[in-house]
């Protein structure tokens, strides 16, 4: 099976879970891990710019990685998934949790 099929399957399952567990619009908490790099952090923050997002970052003990939490109000599960896809396409090496 291709990676695209796997990721689409993953997003369909996520969409179903989001429909079942939330009443929309709802606050959603994104969590990401990136290698500590100001450029990558800026790219990630730009994706959520002007949306009213609260963004918190925590550097790992040795400073190699940065944990990024983004909390914001999303209108529906499709909007949540679109942001995950946008992050994956624009921030190289990001890990979505």
PDB file of N, CA and C in Angstrom:
ATOM      1  N   UNK A   1       0.846  -1.186   0.000  1.00  0.00           N
ATOM      2  CA  UNK A   1       0.000   0.000   0.000  1.00  0.00           C
ATOM      3  C   UNK A   1       0.887   1.242   0.000  1.00  0.00           C
ATOM      4  N   UNK A   2       0.494   2.266  -0.706  1.00  0.00           N
ATOM      5  CA  UNK A   2       1.323   3.464  -0.784  1.00  0.00           C
ATOM      6  C   UNK A   2       1.185   4.322   0.464  1.00  0.00           C
ATOM      7  N   UNK A   3       2.162   5.207   0.652  1.00  0.00           N
ATOM      8  CA  UNK A   3       2.137   6.109   1.798  1.00  0.00           C
ATOM      9  C   UNK A   3       0.937   7.037   1.728  1.00  0.00           C
ATOM     10  N   UNK A   4       0.603   7.505   0.509  1.00  0.00           N
ATOM     11  CA  UNK A   4      -0.546   8.390   0.345  1.00  0.00           C
ATOM     12  C   UNK A   4      -1.824   7.696   0.801  1.00  0.00           C
ATOM     13  N   UNK A   5      -2.007   6.440   0.418  1.00  0.00           N
ATOM     14  CA  UNK A   5      -3.189   5.691   0.838  1.00  0.00           C
ATOM     15  C   UNK A   5      -3.230   5.549   2.347  1.00  0.00           C
ATOM     16  N   UNK A   6      -2.070   5.245   2.935  1.00  0.00           N
ATOM     17  CA  UNK A   6      -2.004   5.112   4.394  1.00  0.00           C
ATOM     18  C   UNK A   6      -2.351   6.417   5.077  1.00  0.00           C
ATOM     19  N   UNK A   7      -1.831   7.534   4.582  1.00  0.00           N
ATOM     20  CA  UNK A   7      -2.105   8.809   5.235  1.00  0.00           C
ATOM     21  C   UNK A   7      -3.566   9.208   5.051  1.00  0.00           C
ATOM     22  N   UNK A   8      -4.138   8.942   3.873  1.00  0.00           N
ATOM     23  CA  UNK A   8      -5.559   9.249   3.663  1.00  0.00           C
ATOM     24  C   UNK A   8      -6.432   8.403   4.580  1.00  0.00           C
ATOM     25  N   UNK A   9      -6.050   7.148   4.746  1.00  0.00           N
ATOM     26  CA  UNK A   9      -6.771   6.257   5.648  1.00  0.00           C
ATOM     27  C   UNK A   9      -6.681   6.785   7.086  1.00  0.00           C
ATOM     28  N   UNK A  10      -5.490   7.220   7.464  1.00  0.00           N
ATOM     29  CA  UNK A  10      -5.284   7.785   8.801  1.00  0.00           C
ATOM     30  C   UNK A  10      -6.190   9.005   9.005  1.00  0.00           C
ATOM     31  N   UNK A  11      -6.214   9.905   8.013  1.00  0.00           N
ATOM     32  CA  UNK A  11      -7.017  11.125   8.139  1.00  0.00           C
ATOM     33  C   UNK A  11      -8.514  10.819   8.189  1.00  0.00           C
ATOM     34  N   UNK A  12      -8.964   9.799   7.473  1.00  0.00           N
ATOM     35  CA  UNK A  12     -10.375   9.408   7.542  1.00  0.00           C
ATOM     36  C   UNK A  12     -10.732   8.910   8.939  1.00  0.00           C
ATOM     37  N   UNK A  13      -9.847   8.094   9.522  1.00  0.00           N
ATOM     38  CA  UNK A  13     -10.083   7.605  10.890  1.00  0.00           C
ATOM     39  C   UNK A  13     -10.086   8.766  11.882  1.00  0.00           C
ATOM     40  N   UNK A  14      -9.140   9.685  11.714  1.00  0.00           N
ATOM     41  CA  UNK A  14      -9.084  10.849  12.595  1.00  0.00           C
ATOM     42  C   UNK A  14     -10.355  11.674  12.475  1.00  0.00           C
ATOM     43  N   UNK A  15     -10.816  11.884  11.252  1.00  0.00           N
ATOM     44  CA  UNK A  15     -12.039  12.656  11.022  1.00  0.00           C
ATOM     45  C   UNK A  15     -13.227  12.021  11.749  1.00  0.00           C
ATOM     46  N   UNK A  16     -13.356  10.703  11.640  1.00  0.00           N
ATOM     47  CA  UNK A  16     -14.439   9.999  12.333  1.00  0.00           C
ATOM     48  C   UNK A  16     -14.338  10.174  13.846  1.00  0.00           C
ATOM     49  N   UNK A  17     -13.116  10.031  14.377  1.00  0.00           N
ATOM     50  CA  UNK A  17     -12.920  10.197  15.825  1.00  0.00           C
ATOM     51  C   UNK A  17     -13.263  11.614  16.272  1.00  0.00           C
ATOM     52  N   UNK A  18     -12.858  12.603  15.490  1.00  0.00           N
ATOM     53  CA  UNK A  18     -13.140  13.990  15.846  1.00  0.00           C
ATOM     54  C   UNK A  18     -14.643  14.272  15.839  1.00  0.00           C
ATOM     55  N   UNK A  19     -15.358  13.702  14.876  1.00  0.00           N
ATOM     56  CA  UNK A  19     -16.820  13.858  14.832  1.00  0.00           C
ATOM     57  C   UNK A  19     -17.470  13.243  16.060  1.00  0.00           C
ATOM     58  N   UNK A  20     -16.960  12.095  16.489  1.00  0.00           N
ATOM     59  CA  UNK A  20     -17.559  11.374  17.603  1.00  0.00           C
ATOM     60  C   UNK A  20     -17.248  11.990  18.966  1.00  0.00           C
ATOM     61  N   UNK A  21     -16.108  12.665  19.086  1.00  0.00           N
ATOM     62  CA  UNK A  21     -15.672  13.112  20.413  1.00  0.00           C
ATOM     63  C   UNK A  21     -15.848  14.601  20.676  1.00  0.00           C
ATOM     64  N   UNK A  22     -16.266  15.364  19.679  1.00  0.00           N
ATOM     65  CA  UNK A  22     -16.393  16.810  19.870  1.00  0.00           C
ATOM     66  C   UNK A  22     -17.683  17.341  19.282  1.00  0.00           C
ATOM     67  N   UNK A  23     -18.110  18.477  19.820  1.00  0.00           N
ATOM     68  CA  UNK A  23     -19.194  19.251  19.239  1.00  0.00           C
ATOM     69  C   UNK A  23     -18.526  20.445  18.576  1.00  0.00           C
ATOM     70  N   UNK A  24     -18.786  20.628  17.284  1.00  0.00           N
ATOM     71  CA  UNK A  24     -18.061  21.651  16.516  1.00  0.00           C
ATOM     72  C   UNK A  24     -18.876  22.911  16.353  1.00  0.00           C
ATOM     73  N   UNK A  25     -18.207  24.078  16.349  1.00  0.00           N
ATOM     74  CA  UNK A  25     -16.770  24.320  16.493  1.00  0.00           C
ATOM     75  C   UNK A  25     -16.266  23.969  17.892  1.00  0.00           C
ATOM     76  N   UNK A  26     -14.974  23.639  17.958  1.00  0.00           N
ATOM     77  CA  UNK A  26     -14.367  23.211  19.222  1.00  0.00           C
ATOM     78  C   UNK A  26     -12.901  23.631  19.268  1.00  0.00           C
ATOM     79  N   UNK A  27     -12.387  23.731  20.486  1.00  0.00           N
ATOM     80  CA  UNK A  27     -10.951  23.986  20.642  1.00  0.00           C
ATOM     81  C   UNK A  27     -10.218  22.695  20.337  1.00  0.00           C
ATOM     82  N   UNK A  28      -9.085  22.836  19.646  1.00  0.00           N
ATOM     83  CA  UNK A  28      -8.285  21.666  19.291  1.00  0.00           C
ATOM     84  C   UNK A  28      -6.837  21.946  19.648  1.00  0.00           C
ATOM     85  N   UNK A  29      -6.172  20.935  20.183  1.00  0.00           N
ATOM     86  CA  UNK A  29      -4.773  21.064  20.579  1.00  0.00           C
ATOM     87  C   UNK A  29      -3.906  20.235  19.633  1.00  0.00           C
ATOM     88  N   UNK A  30      -3.122  20.934  18.832  1.00  0.00           N
ATOM     89  CA  UNK A  30      -2.136  20.282  17.968  1.00  0.00           C
ATOM     90  C   UNK A  30      -0.842  20.144  18.765  1.00  0.00           C
ATOM     91  N   UNK A  31      -0.131  19.038  18.542  1.00  0.00           N
ATOM     92  CA  UNK A  31       1.184  18.861  19.164  1.00  0.00           C
ATOM     93  C   UNK A  31       2.159  18.388  18.095  1.00  0.00           C
ATOM     94  N   UNK A  32       3.300  19.049  18.062  1.00  0.00           N
ATOM     95  CA  UNK A  32       4.329  18.738  17.085  1.00  0.00           C
ATOM     96  C   UNK A  32       5.687  18.685  17.763  1.00  0.00           C
ATOM     97  N   UNK A  33       6.612  17.955  17.140  1.00  0.00           N
ATOM     98  CA  UNK A  33       8.007  17.967  17.562  1.00  0.00           C
ATOM     99  C   UNK A  33       8.837  18.275  16.322  1.00  0.00           C
ATOM    100  N   UNK A  34       9.754  19.229  16.456  1.00  0.00           N
ATOM    101  CA  UNK A  34      10.661  19.572  15.368  1.00  0.00           C
ATOM    102  C   UNK A  34      12.073  19.677  15.914  1.00  0.00           C
ATOM    103  N   UNK A  35      13.062  19.498  15.030  1.00  0.00           N
ATOM    104  CA  UNK A  35      14.432  19.773  15.448  1.00  0.00           C
ATOM    105  C   UNK A  35      14.496  21.259  15.753  1.00  0.00           C
ATOM    106  N   UNK A  36      15.220  21.615  16.784  1.00  0.00           N
ATOM    107  CA  UNK A  36      15.311  23.011  17.181  1.00  0.00           C
ATOM    108  C   UNK A  36      15.982  23.799  16.064  1.00  0.00           C
ATOM    109  N   UNK A  37      15.183  24.654  15.432  1.00  0.00           N
ATOM    110  CA  UNK A  37      15.611  25.439  14.292  1.00  0.00           C
ATOM    111  C   UNK A  37      14.648  26.619  14.197  1.00  0.00           C
ATOM    112  N   UNK A  38      15.162  27.830  14.334  1.00  0.00           N
ATOM    113  CA  UNK A  38      14.295  29.008  14.334  1.00  0.00           C
ATOM    114  C   UNK A  38      13.505  29.146  13.036  1.00  0.00           C
ATOM    115  N   UNK A  39      14.111  28.762  11.913  1.00  0.00           N
ATOM    116  CA  UNK A  39      13.414  28.855  10.628  1.00  0.00           C
ATOM    117  C   UNK A  39      12.213  27.906  10.590  1.00  0.00           C
ATOM    118  N   UNK A  40      12.404  26.663  11.049  1.00  0.00           N
ATOM    119  CA  UNK A  40      11.306  25.694  11.062  1.00  0.00           C
ATOM    120  C   UNK A  40      10.212  26.121  12.040  1.00  0.00           C
ATOM    121  N   UNK A  41      10.613  26.644  13.162  1.00  0.00           N
ATOM    122  CA  UNK A  41       9.648  27.123  14.142  1.00  0.00           C
ATOM    123  C   UNK A  41       8.829  28.270  13.557  1.00  0.00           C
ATOM    124  N   UNK A  42       9.490  29.179  12.851  1.00  0.00           N
ATOM    125  CA  UNK A  42       8.792  30.301  12.212  1.00  0.00           C
ATOM    126  C   UNK A  42       7.821  29.798  11.145  1.00  0.00           C
ATOM    127  N   UNK A  43       8.232  28.789  10.369  1.00  0.00           N
ATOM    128  CA  UNK A  43       7.343  28.210   9.356  1.00  0.00           C
ATOM    129  C   UNK A  43       6.087  27.639  10.013  1.00  0.00           C
ATOM    130  N   UNK A  44       6.285  26.905  11.092  1.00  0.00           N
ATOM    131  CA  UNK A  44       5.170  26.292  11.805  1.00  0.00           C
ATOM    132  C   UNK A  44       4.234  27.353  12.367  1.00  0.00           C
ATOM    133  N   UNK A  45       4.793  28.366  13.010  1.00  0.00           N
ATOM    134  CA  UNK A  45       3.976  29.427  13.588  1.00  0.00           C
ATOM    135  C   UNK A  45       3.221  30.198  12.510  1.00  0.00           C
ATOM    136  N   UNK A  46       3.825  30.386  11.342  1.00  0.00           N
ATOM    137  CA  UNK A  46       3.180  31.129  10.252  1.00  0.00           C
ATOM    138  C   UNK A  46       1.917  30.425   9.761  1.00  0.00           C
ATOM    139  N   UNK A  47       1.898  29.115   9.830  1.00  0.00           N
ATOM    140  CA  UNK A  47       0.722  28.353   9.386  1.00  0.00           C
ATOM    141  C   UNK A  47      -0.492  28.665  10.252  1.00  0.00           C
ATOM    142  N   UNK A  48      -0.262  28.985  11.512  1.00  0.00           N
ATOM    143  CA  UNK A  48      -1.358  29.270  12.442  1.00  0.00           C
ATOM    144  C   UNK A  48      -1.506  30.763  12.724  1.00  0.00           C
ATOM    145  N   UNK A  49      -0.796  31.587  11.961  1.00  0.00           N
ATOM    146  CA  UNK A  49      -0.818  33.036  12.147  1.00  0.00           C
ATOM    147  C   UNK A  49      -2.214  33.600  11.867  1.00  0.00           C
ATOM    148  N   UNK A  50      -2.608  34.599  12.630  1.00  0.00           N
ATOM    149  CA  UNK A  50      -3.884  35.308  12.468  1.00  0.00           C
ATOM    150  C   UNK A  50      -5.110  34.410  12.638  1.00  0.00           C
ATOM    151  N   UNK A  51      -4.978  33.371  13.425  1.00  0.00           N
ATOM    152  CA  UNK A  51      -6.109  32.484  13.693  1.00  0.00           C
ATOM    153  C   UNK A  51      -6.504  32.508  15.165  1.00  0.00           C
ATOM    154  N   UNK A  52      -5.816  33.294  15.963  1.00  0.00           N
ATOM    155  CA  UNK A  52      -6.089  33.334  17.391  1.00  0.00           C
ATOM    156  C   UNK A  52      -5.479  32.163  18.139  1.00  0.00           C
ATOM    157  N   UNK A  53      -4.462  31.549  17.567  1.00  0.00           N
ATOM    158  CA  UNK A  53      -3.831  30.381  18.182  1.00  0.00           C
ATOM    159  C   UNK A  53      -2.954  30.773  19.359  1.00  0.00           C
ATOM    160  N   UNK A  54      -2.959  29.925  20.366  1.00  0.00           N
ATOM    161  CA  UNK A  54      -2.042  30.057  21.488  1.00  0.00           C
ATOM    162  C   UNK A  54      -0.958  29.009  21.251  1.00  0.00           C
ATOM    163  N   UNK A  55       0.282  29.467  21.067  1.00  0.00           N
ATOM    164  CA  UNK A  55       1.382  28.579  20.729  1.00  0.00           C
ATOM    165  C   UNK A  55       2.386  28.561  21.874  1.00  0.00           C
ATOM    166  N   UNK A  56       2.686  27.348  22.355  1.00  0.00           N
ATOM    167  CA  UNK A  56       3.674  27.159  23.417  1.00  0.00           C
ATOM    168  C   UNK A  56       4.781  26.252  22.909  1.00  0.00           C
ATOM    169  N   UNK A  57       6.018  26.604  23.251  1.00  0.00           N
ATOM    170  CA  UNK A  57       7.156  25.782  22.840  1.00  0.00           C
ATOM    171  C   UNK A  57       7.975  25.396  24.067  1.00  0.00           C
ATOM    172  N   UNK A  58       8.523  24.191  24.011  1.00  0.00           N
ATOM    173  CA  UNK A  58       9.400  23.705  25.077  1.00  0.00           C
ATOM    174  C   UNK A  58      10.568  22.989  24.407  1.00  0.00           C
ATOM    175  N   UNK A  59      11.766  23.441  24.719  1.00  0.00           N
ATOM    176  CA  UNK A  59      12.968  22.806  24.179  1.00  0.00           C
ATOM    177  C   UNK A  59      13.304  21.568  24.992  1.00  0.00           C
ATOM    178  N   UNK A  60      13.832  20.552  24.316  1.00  0.00           N
ATOM    179  CA  UNK A  60      14.250  19.339  25.019  1.00  0.00           C
ATOM    180  C   UNK A  60      15.425  19.658  25.941  1.00  0.00           C
ATOM    181  N   UNK A  61      15.712  18.737  26.822  1.00  0.00           N
ATOM    182  CA  UNK A  61      16.763  18.935  27.819  1.00  0.00           C
ATOM    183  C   UNK A  61      18.102  19.309  27.189  1.00  0.00           C
ATOM    184  N   UNK A  62      18.468  18.635  26.095  1.00  0.00           N
ATOM    185  CA  UNK A  62      19.739  18.919  25.426  1.00  0.00           C
ATOM    186  C   UNK A  62      19.602  19.975  24.332  1.00  0.00           C
ATOM    187  N   UNK A  63      18.376  20.449  24.079  1.00  0.00           N
ATOM    188  CA  UNK A  63      18.160  21.509  23.110  1.00  0.00           C
ATOM    189  C   UNK A  63      18.113  21.080  21.656  1.00  0.00           C
ATOM    190  N   UNK A  64      18.101  19.771  21.392  1.00  0.00           N
ATOM    191  CA  UNK A  64      18.078  19.295  20.009  1.00  0.00           C
ATOM    192  C   UNK A  64      16.690  19.375  19.379  1.00  0.00           C
ATOM    193  N   UNK A  65      15.659  19.242  20.191  1.00  0.00           N
ATOM    194  CA  UNK A  65      14.287  19.223  19.688  1.00  0.00           C
ATOM    195  C   UNK A  65      13.437  20.241  20.431  1.00  0.00           C
ATOM    196  N   UNK A  66      12.356  20.652  19.761  1.00  0.00           N
ATOM    197  CA  UNK A  66      11.401  21.569  20.365  1.00  0.00           C
ATOM    198  C   UNK A  66      10.006  20.983  20.232  1.00  0.00           C
ATOM    199  N   UNK A  67       9.292  20.960  21.337  1.00  0.00           N
ATOM    200  CA  UNK A  67       7.899  20.538  21.353  1.00  0.00           C
ATOM    201  C   UNK A  67       7.044  21.789  21.152  1.00  0.00           C
ATOM    202  N   UNK A  68       6.094  21.709  20.240  1.00  0.00           N
ATOM    203  CA  UNK A  68       5.235  22.855  19.944  1.00  0.00           C
ATOM    204  C   UNK A  68       3.787  22.440  20.152  1.00  0.00           C
ATOM    205  N   UNK A  69       3.071  23.180  21.006  1.00  0.00           N
ATOM    206  CA  UNK A  69       1.644  22.964  21.228  1.00  0.00           C
ATOM    207  C   UNK A  69       0.893  24.165  20.674  1.00  0.00           C
ATOM    208  N   UNK A  70      -0.129  23.888  19.886  1.00  0.00           N
ATOM    209  CA  UNK A  70      -0.929  24.950  19.270  1.00  0.00           C
ATOM    210  C   UNK A  70      -2.381  24.702  19.637  1.00  0.00           C
ATOM    211  N   UNK A  71      -2.967  25.635  20.364  1.00  0.00           N
ATOM    212  CA  UNK A  71      -4.351  25.504  20.800  1.00  0.00           C
ATOM    213  C   UNK A  71      -5.182  26.579  20.114  1.00  0.00           C
ATOM    214  N   UNK A  72      -6.238  26.151  19.400  1.00  0.00           N
ATOM    215  CA  UNK A  72      -7.087  27.140  18.756  1.00  0.00           C
ATOM    216  C   UNK A  72      -8.462  26.575  18.459  1.00  0.00           C
ATOM    217  N   UNK A  73      -9.394  27.475  18.185  1.00  0.00           N
ATOM    218  CA  UNK A  73     -10.762  27.113  17.877  1.00  0.00           C
ATOM    219  C   UNK A  73     -10.851  26.731  16.406  1.00  0.00           C
ATOM    220  N   UNK A  74     -11.332  25.517  16.152  1.00  0.00           N
ATOM    221  CA  UNK A  74     -11.481  25.035  14.776  1.00  0.00           C
ATOM    222  C   UNK A  74     -12.964  24.826  14.480  1.00  0.00           C
ATOM    223  N   UNK A  75     -13.351  25.064  13.225  1.00  0.00           N
ATOM    224  CA  UNK A  75     -14.784  25.008  12.883  1.00  0.00           C
ATOM    225  C   UNK A  75     -15.320  23.589  12.693  1.00  0.00           C
ATOM    226  N   UNK A  76     -14.451  22.652  12.229  1.00  0.00           N
ATOM    227  CA  UNK A  76     -14.909  21.275  12.002  1.00  0.00           C
ATOM    228  C   UNK A  76     -13.700  20.350  11.824  1.00  0.00           C
ATOM    229  N   UNK A  77     -13.926  19.031  11.806  1.00  0.00           N
ATOM    230  CA  UNK A  77     -12.810  18.090  11.633  1.00  0.00           C
ATOM    231  C   UNK A  77     -12.031  18.291  10.330  1.00  0.00           C
ATOM    232  N   UNK A  78     -12.708  18.686   9.256  1.00  0.00           N
ATOM    233  CA  UNK A  78     -12.013  18.923   7.989  1.00  0.00           C
ATOM    234  C   UNK A  78     -10.978  20.029   8.125  1.00  0.00           C
ATOM    235  N   UNK A  79     -11.307  21.079   8.874  1.00  0.00           N
ATOM    236  CA  UNK A  79     -10.370  22.181   9.092  1.00  0.00           C
ATOM    237  C   UNK A  79      -9.162  21.719   9.894  1.00  0.00           C
ATOM    238  N   UNK A  80      -9.386  20.842  10.867  1.00  0.00           N
ATOM    239  CA  UNK A  80      -8.293  20.278  11.669  1.00  0.00           C
ATOM    240  C   UNK A  80      -7.335  19.508  10.766  1.00  0.00           C
ATOM    241  N   UNK A  81      -7.885  18.663   9.926  1.00  0.00           N
ATOM    242  CA  UNK A  81      -7.073  17.827   9.044  1.00  0.00           C
ATOM    243  C   UNK A  81      -6.332  18.667   8.016  1.00  0.00           C
ATOM    244  N   UNK A  82      -6.967  19.700   7.490  1.00  0.00           N
ATOM    245  CA  UNK A  82      -6.292  20.574   6.517  1.00  0.00           C
ATOM    246  C   UNK A  82      -5.048  21.210   7.123  1.00  0.00           C
ATOM    247  N   UNK A  83      -5.114  21.593   8.384  1.00  0.00           N
ATOM    248  CA  UNK A  83      -3.940  22.191   9.042  1.00  0.00           C
ATOM    249  C   UNK A  83      -2.831  21.159   9.223  1.00  0.00           C
ATOM    250  N   UNK A  84      -3.202  19.916   9.588  1.00  0.00           N
ATOM    251  CA  UNK A  84      -2.187  18.864   9.688  1.00  0.00           C
ATOM    252  C   UNK A  84      -1.483  18.681   8.347  1.00  0.00           C
ATOM    253  N   UNK A  85      -2.250  18.644   7.272  1.00  0.00           N
ATOM    254  CA  UNK A  85      -1.678  18.465   5.935  1.00  0.00           C
ATOM    255  C   UNK A  85      -0.795  19.648   5.551  1.00  0.00           C
ATOM    256  N   UNK A  86      -1.250  20.857   5.876  1.00  0.00           N
ATOM    257  CA  UNK A  86      -0.469  22.057   5.567  1.00  0.00           C
ATOM    258  C   UNK A  86       0.871  22.046   6.296  1.00  0.00           C
ATOM    259  N   UNK A  87       0.860  21.649   7.555  1.00  0.00           N
ATOM    260  CA  UNK A  87       2.093  21.548   8.323  1.00  0.00           C
ATOM    261  C   UNK A  87       3.034  20.509   7.702  1.00  0.00           C
ATOM    262  N   UNK A  88       2.497  19.333   7.372  1.00  0.00           N
ATOM    263  CA  UNK A  88       3.303  18.258   6.800  1.00  0.00           C
ATOM    264  C   UNK A  88       3.940  18.677   5.468  1.00  0.00           C
ATOM    265  N   UNK A  89       3.220  19.463   4.674  1.00  0.00           N
ATOM    266  CA  UNK A  89       3.713  19.904   3.377  1.00  0.00           C
ATOM    267  C   UNK A  89       4.752  21.025   3.479  1.00  0.00           C
ATOM    268  N   UNK A  90       4.669  21.831   4.525  1.00  0.00           N
ATOM    269  CA  UNK A  90       5.486  23.035   4.589  1.00  0.00           C
ATOM    270  C   UNK A  90       6.624  23.034   5.595  1.00  0.00           C
ATOM    271  N   UNK A  91       6.614  22.117   6.557  1.00  0.00           N
ATOM    272  CA  UNK A  91       7.656  22.083   7.581  1.00  0.00           C
ATOM    273  C   UNK A  91       8.360  20.736   7.502  1.00  0.00           C
ATOM    274  N   UNK A  92       9.539  20.743   6.940  1.00  0.00           N
ATOM    275  CA  UNK A  92      10.276  19.499   6.734  1.00  0.00           C
ATOM    276  C   UNK A  92      10.702  18.892   8.074  1.00  0.00           C
ATOM    277  N   UNK A  93      10.478  17.581   8.219  1.00  0.00           N
ATOM    278  CA  UNK A  93      10.919  16.865   9.399  1.00  0.00           C
ATOM    279  C   UNK A  93      10.025  16.993  10.606  1.00  0.00           C
ATOM    280  N   UNK A  94       8.857  17.602  10.474  1.00  0.00           N
ATOM    281  CA  UNK A  94       7.966  17.761  11.611  1.00  0.00           C
ATOM    282  C   UNK A  94       7.345  16.406  11.957  1.00  0.00           C
ATOM    283  N   UNK A  95       7.142  16.180  13.242  1.00  0.00           N
ATOM    284  CA  UNK A  95       6.456  14.987  13.737  1.00  0.00           C
ATOM    285  C   UNK A  95       5.160  15.467  14.383  1.00  0.00           C
ATOM    286  N   UNK A  96       4.036  14.973  13.876  1.00  0.00           N
ATOM    287  CA  UNK A  96       2.740  15.317  14.440  1.00  0.00           C
ATOM    288  C   UNK A  96       2.353  14.267  15.472  1.00  0.00           C
ATOM    289  N   UNK A  97       1.929  14.726  16.624  1.00  0.00           N
ATOM    290  CA  UNK A  97       1.520  13.790  17.679  1.00  0.00           C
ATOM    291  C   UNK A  97       0.004  13.784  17.822  1.00  0.00           C
TER     292      UNK A  97
END
